[in-house]
Structures are given as structure tokens and as C-alpha cells.
Amino acid sequence: MRIIFVIVLITAAMSLSLSGQTPRVAAAIKLVPPKGKVTTDFVPDGWEIFNEADGDLNGDGLADAVITFTLHLDDAVKLRDAAGDSYESAPSIVAVLFALRSGGYSLYGVNGRLYPSDSDFRSYLDNKIEKGVLVINTNWGDGWANDITYRFRYDSLAGRMMLIGFDSERYDRTSIYEGHRSSENYSTGLRIDYAKSLNRKSSTYAETRRSKIDRSRVGFENVHLVEDPDNDQYKPY
């Protein structure tokens, strides 16, 4: 019985760690309706659209939409002031909406785990759709900054939005010569690492290594930003 109890505790802890969602975010996601006439219909009370992109994601010729919604600015400020030194990022949620031929949208999926817990007080998740690929970017930090980019493409056979790429960059805003970044392609199974010039004669990135990675198939709803403190990097799952 003791062993079973420990296993249950470990499983629960892992589930909480992987979810990465605050109660506020989880509660908001539950309020997102399955269908709506316009994009604002999918935004819960007390939240607002921060960024919106449109384009055909699932190949049916209709313009789909992707929205990021956050707390109203006044509420985000109150949240920051009340938390003080223990403040975490202002919540930021991404919803993918597929267009209906009859008009309006149906909700494909929602993700509230794409932003870091220690970013600036106002989270920045920018969406755009390029040639059927959903690109989501976030940038944060004052001195040493981080820049993260996710890329998703719809897989018609699986009927899911799949993660196909992840770029992670860490650089010094105070020096144009300090920085490193990596680019992972899950379709080809290739990772490329870059670093800025070590001799300080150039601020441009140069390729330092190529390596093989797993050709992972992770759906939009399962992607979550994970910090890798040992390597000073971030991972998407």
C-alpha cells in the first residue's frame, strides 16, 4: 500500500509539473467555447486579445485564426504589484480556431503553457501564419534575454497540429557579441547550434555543430516550455 501511495504521489507531481498551468489559466481555458461567430467570442470575461493571425492552417481553403489572449492590462498590473518579488509572468493563452464553411469558427485547441513562468510582467506571444505554418514567438529579459519560436503544421492524416520546429536563443542585450541559439527540425531530425564570434570581431552567428535528434511527433496541445538550467536552454516538451 505504501508503494502504491508513493507511486500515486509521484504521478500526481509529474502531472502538475508537466501541466505548468496556474489555476487562473486552467480556469480560463475551461471557459473557452467550442464554437463562435467571431474570434472575440472565444475570449473569457476579464481577458483580452493581445495578438491575432489568420490564414489557412488545415488546407480547406478557409482562413483560420489563431489568437493569444491575456489579462486586461490593469488586472496584470494588480497581479504584479500584489505578488511583489514572487511575481510570475502575466498569463498568456493561445487558441487555434478553424474556420467553418457556414461561417464562424470551431475551436481546435488551446494551450496555456507556451510562455515562461519568469518572463516580463506583460507576456508577449506573437502569432503569425506563413504558408500554412503557425509560428509563435516570445521574447523576454532585460540584460540576458531569451527568444523562443515554435512552428506548427497541420497533419491531415493525423488530423492534428504538430510541432515541426523549435528555435531557442539566449543573448546579451548589452553586448552584440554575446549569444548562442539552436534550431531543431522535428521533420528532418536535425539540430543546428550557432554562436556569436568568440574573437569579438563579428556580431553575426556562426554554425558550431549539427546533430541528430528524435523526429518527435508532439501535438499543439501537448507542447509546453521547459527550462533546461544545466545547458542554459529551453525545450518545447
Protein backbone atom coordinates (compact mmCIF):
# COMPACT_ATOMS: atom_id res chain seq x y z
CA MET A 1 0.00 0.00 0.00
CA ARG A 2 2.87 2.35 0.84
CA ILE A 3 4.48 1.69 -2.54
CA ILE A 4 1.19 2.34 -4.33
CA PHE A 5 0.75 5.56 -2.37
CA VAL A 6 4.24 6.76 -3.34
CA ILE A 7 3.59 5.94 -7.00
CA VAL A 8 0.36 7.93 -6.92
CA LEU A 9 2.17 10.90 -5.37
CA ILE A 10 4.94 10.76 -7.97
CA THR A 11 2.43 10.52 -10.81
CA ALA A 12 0.48 13.49 -9.47
CA ALA A 13 3.67 15.53 -9.07
CA MET A 14 4.75 14.73 -12.62
CA SER A 15 1.32 15.67 -13.95
CA LEU A 16 1.43 19.01 -12.14
CA SER A 17 4.97 19.69 -13.34
CA LEU A 18 4.09 18.90 -16.94
CA SER A 19 0.91 20.91 -16.91
CA GLY A 20 2.73 24.12 -15.98
CA GLN A 21 -0.62 25.89 -15.78
CA THR A 22 -1.66 28.18 -12.98
CA PRO A 23 -5.21 27.78 -11.59
CA ARG A 24 -6.06 31.10 -13.26
CA VAL A 25 -5.05 29.82 -16.69
CA ALA A 26 -6.73 26.43 -16.22
CA ALA A 27 -9.97 28.12 -15.18
CA ALA A 28 -9.90 30.46 -18.20
CA ILE A 29 -9.32 27.59 -20.63
CA LYS A 30 -12.41 25.81 -19.33
CA LEU A 31 -14.47 28.88 -20.29
CA VAL A 32 -13.39 28.89 -23.95
CA PRO A 33 -16.44 27.77 -26.01
CA PRO A 34 -16.27 25.10 -28.74
CA LYS A 35 -17.73 27.44 -31.41
CA GLY A 36 -18.12 31.15 -32.06
CA LYS A 37 -19.08 33.62 -34.78
CA VAL A 38 -16.05 35.90 -34.30
CA THR A 39 -12.68 35.50 -32.59
CA THR A 40 -13.70 37.60 -29.60
CA ASP A 41 -16.40 35.03 -28.77
CA PHE A 42 -13.62 32.70 -27.59
CA VAL A 43 -12.17 35.14 -25.06
CA PRO A 44 -13.38 34.68 -21.44
CA ASP A 45 -14.59 37.67 -19.44
CA GLY A 46 -11.71 39.59 -17.89
CA TRP A 47 -9.33 38.67 -20.72
CA GLU A 48 -8.47 40.44 -24.00
CA ILE A 49 -6.92 39.56 -27.35
CA PHE A 50 -3.26 40.55 -27.42
CA ASN A 51 -2.37 39.15 -30.84
CA GLU A 52 -4.30 37.62 -33.75
CA ALA A 53 -3.28 35.96 -37.01
CA ASP A 54 -5.30 34.49 -39.86
CA GLY A 55 -4.56 32.06 -42.68
CA ASP A 56 -5.41 28.57 -43.90
CA LEU A 57 -3.94 26.03 -41.50
CA ASN A 58 -5.78 22.80 -42.35
CA GLY A 59 -5.79 23.10 -46.14
CA ASP A 60 -9.54 23.55 -46.68
CA GLY A 61 -9.17 26.93 -48.38
CA LEU A 62 -10.71 28.87 -45.50
CA ALA A 63 -8.96 31.48 -43.37
CA ASP A 64 -8.46 30.06 -39.90
CA ALA A 65 -7.47 32.18 -36.90
CA VAL A 66 -5.03 31.97 -34.03
CA ILE A 67 -5.42 34.29 -31.06
CA THR A 68 -3.36 34.99 -27.97
CA PHE A 69 -5.40 36.39 -25.10
CA THR A 70 -4.11 37.80 -21.83
CA LEU A 71 -5.46 39.58 -18.79
CA HIS A 72 -6.53 43.19 -19.15
CA LEU A 73 -3.54 45.44 -18.52
CA ASP A 74 -4.96 46.86 -15.27
CA ASP A 75 -5.51 43.34 -13.91
CA ALA A 76 -2.00 42.28 -14.93
CA VAL A 77 -0.54 45.30 -13.12
CA LYS A 78 -2.51 44.47 -9.97
CA LEU A 79 -1.31 40.87 -10.17
CA ARG A 80 2.31 42.02 -10.43
CA ASP A 81 2.02 44.55 -7.59
CA ALA A 82 0.31 42.05 -5.26
CA ALA A 83 2.91 39.34 -5.87
CA GLY A 84 5.98 41.52 -5.36
CA ASP A 85 9.23 39.56 -5.66
CA SER A 86 7.33 36.31 -6.18
CA TYR A 87 5.64 37.60 -9.33
CA GLU A 88 5.32 35.21 -12.26
CA SER A 89 4.55 36.02 -15.88
CA ALA A 90 1.19 37.51 -16.76
CA PRO A 91 -0.93 34.60 -18.08
CA SER A 92 -0.96 34.17 -21.84
CA ILE A 93 -3.15 31.65 -23.70
CA VAL A 94 -3.12 30.64 -27.38
CA ALA A 95 -6.26 29.32 -29.10
CA VAL A 96 -6.34 27.80 -32.61
CA LEU A 97 -9.66 28.33 -34.41
CA PHE A 98 -10.65 26.52 -37.60
CA ALA A 99 -13.00 28.36 -39.93
CA LEU A 100 -16.40 26.83 -40.71
CA ARG A 101 -17.93 26.91 -44.21
CA SER A 102 -21.18 28.00 -42.62
CA GLY A 103 -19.41 30.95 -41.03
CA GLY A 104 -17.64 31.47 -37.72
CA TYR A 105 -15.09 29.18 -36.13
CA SER A 106 -14.73 25.92 -34.24
CA LEU A 107 -12.14 25.58 -31.50
CA TYR A 108 -9.31 23.23 -32.47
CA GLY A 109 -7.18 23.56 -29.36
CA VAL A 110 -5.99 25.81 -26.52
CA ASN A 111 -2.55 25.98 -24.92
CA GLY A 112 -1.59 28.00 -21.85
CA ARG A 113 1.90 26.56 -21.42
CA LEU A 114 3.90 28.19 -24.21
CA TYR A 115 5.30 31.12 -22.22
CA PRO A 116 7.92 31.07 -19.42
CA SER A 117 6.97 31.49 -15.78
CA ASP A 118 9.69 34.08 -15.24
CA SER A 119 9.26 36.45 -18.19
CA ASP A 120 8.41 40.15 -18.19
CA PHE A 121 5.31 41.33 -16.37
CA ARG A 122 3.41 41.52 -19.65
CA SER A 123 3.80 38.30 -21.62
CA TYR A 124 4.43 38.60 -25.33
CA LEU A 125 3.26 35.75 -27.54
CA ASP A 126 3.09 36.82 -31.17
CA ASN A 127 1.34 34.62 -33.73
CA LYS A 128 1.64 34.57 -37.50
CA ILE A 129 0.73 32.09 -40.22
CA GLU A 130 3.19 31.65 -43.07
CA LYS A 131 2.43 29.25 -45.93
CA GLY A 132 0.20 27.14 -43.72
CA VAL A 133 2.67 27.06 -40.81
CA LEU A 134 1.75 28.56 -37.45
CA VAL A 135 4.68 30.49 -35.99
CA ILE A 136 4.55 31.57 -32.33
CA ASN A 137 7.30 33.75 -30.87
CA THR A 138 8.03 35.08 -27.40
CA ASN A 139 10.89 37.26 -26.17
CA TRP A 140 11.75 38.32 -22.63
CA GLY A 141 14.57 39.52 -20.38
CA ASP A 142 16.48 42.72 -19.71
CA GLY A 143 20.25 42.06 -19.62
CA TRP A 144 20.42 38.48 -20.77
CA ALA A 145 17.38 37.88 -22.96
CA ASN A 146 15.65 34.82 -24.36
CA ASP A 147 13.85 34.39 -27.66
CA ILE A 148 11.70 31.33 -28.37
CA THR A 149 9.96 30.36 -31.61
CA TYR A 150 7.57 27.43 -32.14
CA ARG A 151 6.46 26.17 -35.56
CA PHE A 152 3.36 24.00 -36.08
CA ARG A 153 1.91 22.40 -39.22
CA TYR A 154 -1.38 20.57 -39.66
CA ASP A 155 -1.03 16.85 -40.38
CA SER A 156 -4.08 15.84 -42.42
CA LEU A 157 -3.55 12.10 -41.79
CA ALA A 158 -3.35 12.54 -38.03
CA GLY A 159 -5.88 15.38 -38.01
CA ARG A 160 -3.64 17.34 -35.63
CA MET A 161 -1.45 20.42 -35.47
CA MET A 162 2.06 19.03 -34.95
CA LEU A 163 5.21 20.72 -33.69
CA ILE A 164 7.71 20.75 -36.57
CA GLY A 165 10.32 23.21 -35.31
CA PHE A 166 11.67 24.97 -32.23
CA ASP A 167 14.25 27.77 -32.07
CA SER A 168 15.83 28.92 -28.82
CA GLU A 169 18.16 31.90 -28.46
CA ARG A 170 19.88 33.45 -25.43
CA TYR A 171 21.81 36.67 -25.90
CA ASP A 172 23.15 39.71 -24.07
CA ARG A 173 21.21 42.90 -24.84
CA THR A 174 24.17 44.96 -23.56
CA SER A 175 26.71 43.35 -25.91
CA ILE A 176 26.29 42.48 -29.58
CA TYR A 177 28.99 39.80 -29.28
CA GLU A 178 27.44 37.50 -26.66
CA GLY A 179 24.82 34.94 -27.62
CA HIS A 180 24.00 31.41 -28.70
CA ARG A 181 21.00 29.80 -30.35
CA SER A 182 19.76 26.45 -31.59
CA SER A 183 17.28 25.36 -34.23
CA GLU A 184 15.53 21.99 -34.09
CA ASN A 185 13.62 20.49 -37.03
CA TYR A 186 11.42 17.55 -36.00
CA SER A 187 10.53 16.70 -39.59
CA THR A 188 14.15 16.08 -40.61
CA GLY A 189 15.51 15.14 -37.17
CA LEU A 190 18.25 17.77 -37.33
CA ARG A 191 19.50 20.26 -34.73
CA ILE A 192 21.86 23.11 -35.62
CA ASP A 193 23.71 25.14 -32.96
CA TYR A 194 25.07 28.63 -33.50
CA ALA A 195 27.25 31.03 -31.50
CA LYS A 196 28.38 34.60 -31.92
CA SER A 197 32.02 35.31 -32.72
CA LEU A 198 34.35 34.50 -29.84
CA ASN A 199 37.03 36.90 -31.06
CA ARG A 200 34.57 39.83 -30.87
CA LYS A 201 35.25 40.84 -34.47
CA SER A 202 31.76 39.98 -35.60
CA SER A 203 28.29 40.08 -34.06
CA THR A 204 26.83 37.58 -36.52
CA TYR A 205 26.05 33.97 -35.64
CA ALA A 206 28.19 31.14 -36.97
CA GLU A 207 27.24 27.48 -37.09
CA THR A 208 29.09 25.44 -34.47
CA ARG A 209 27.53 21.99 -34.61
CA ARG A 210 24.98 19.76 -36.31
CA SER A 211 23.45 16.80 -34.53
CA LYS A 212 20.69 14.25 -34.95
CA ILE A 213 17.60 14.43 -32.76
CA ASP A 214 14.46 12.36 -32.42
CA ARG A 215 11.85 13.06 -35.08
CA SER A 216 9.31 13.63 -32.36
CA ARG A 217 5.61 13.95 -33.10
CA VAL A 218 4.16 16.26 -30.48
CA GLY A 219 0.73 17.84 -30.92
CA PHE A 220 -0.03 21.51 -30.29
CA GLU A 221 -1.95 20.78 -27.12
CA ASN A 222 0.97 18.82 -25.60
CA VAL A 223 3.74 21.37 -26.19
CA HIS A 224 4.96 23.15 -23.06
CA LEU A 225 8.03 25.29 -22.40
CA VAL A 226 10.57 23.55 -20.16
CA GLU A 227 13.72 25.17 -18.79
CA ASP A 228 16.98 23.22 -19.01
CA PRO A 229 19.11 25.02 -16.37
CA ASP A 230 22.13 22.75 -16.86
CA ASN A 231 22.51 23.80 -20.50
CA ASP A 232 21.01 27.27 -20.06
CA GLN A 233 18.40 26.48 -22.72
CA TYR A 234 14.68 25.80 -23.15
CA LYS A 235 12.85 22.82 -24.61
CA PRO A 236 9.31 22.54 -26.05
CA TYR A 237 8.25 19.37 -24.18
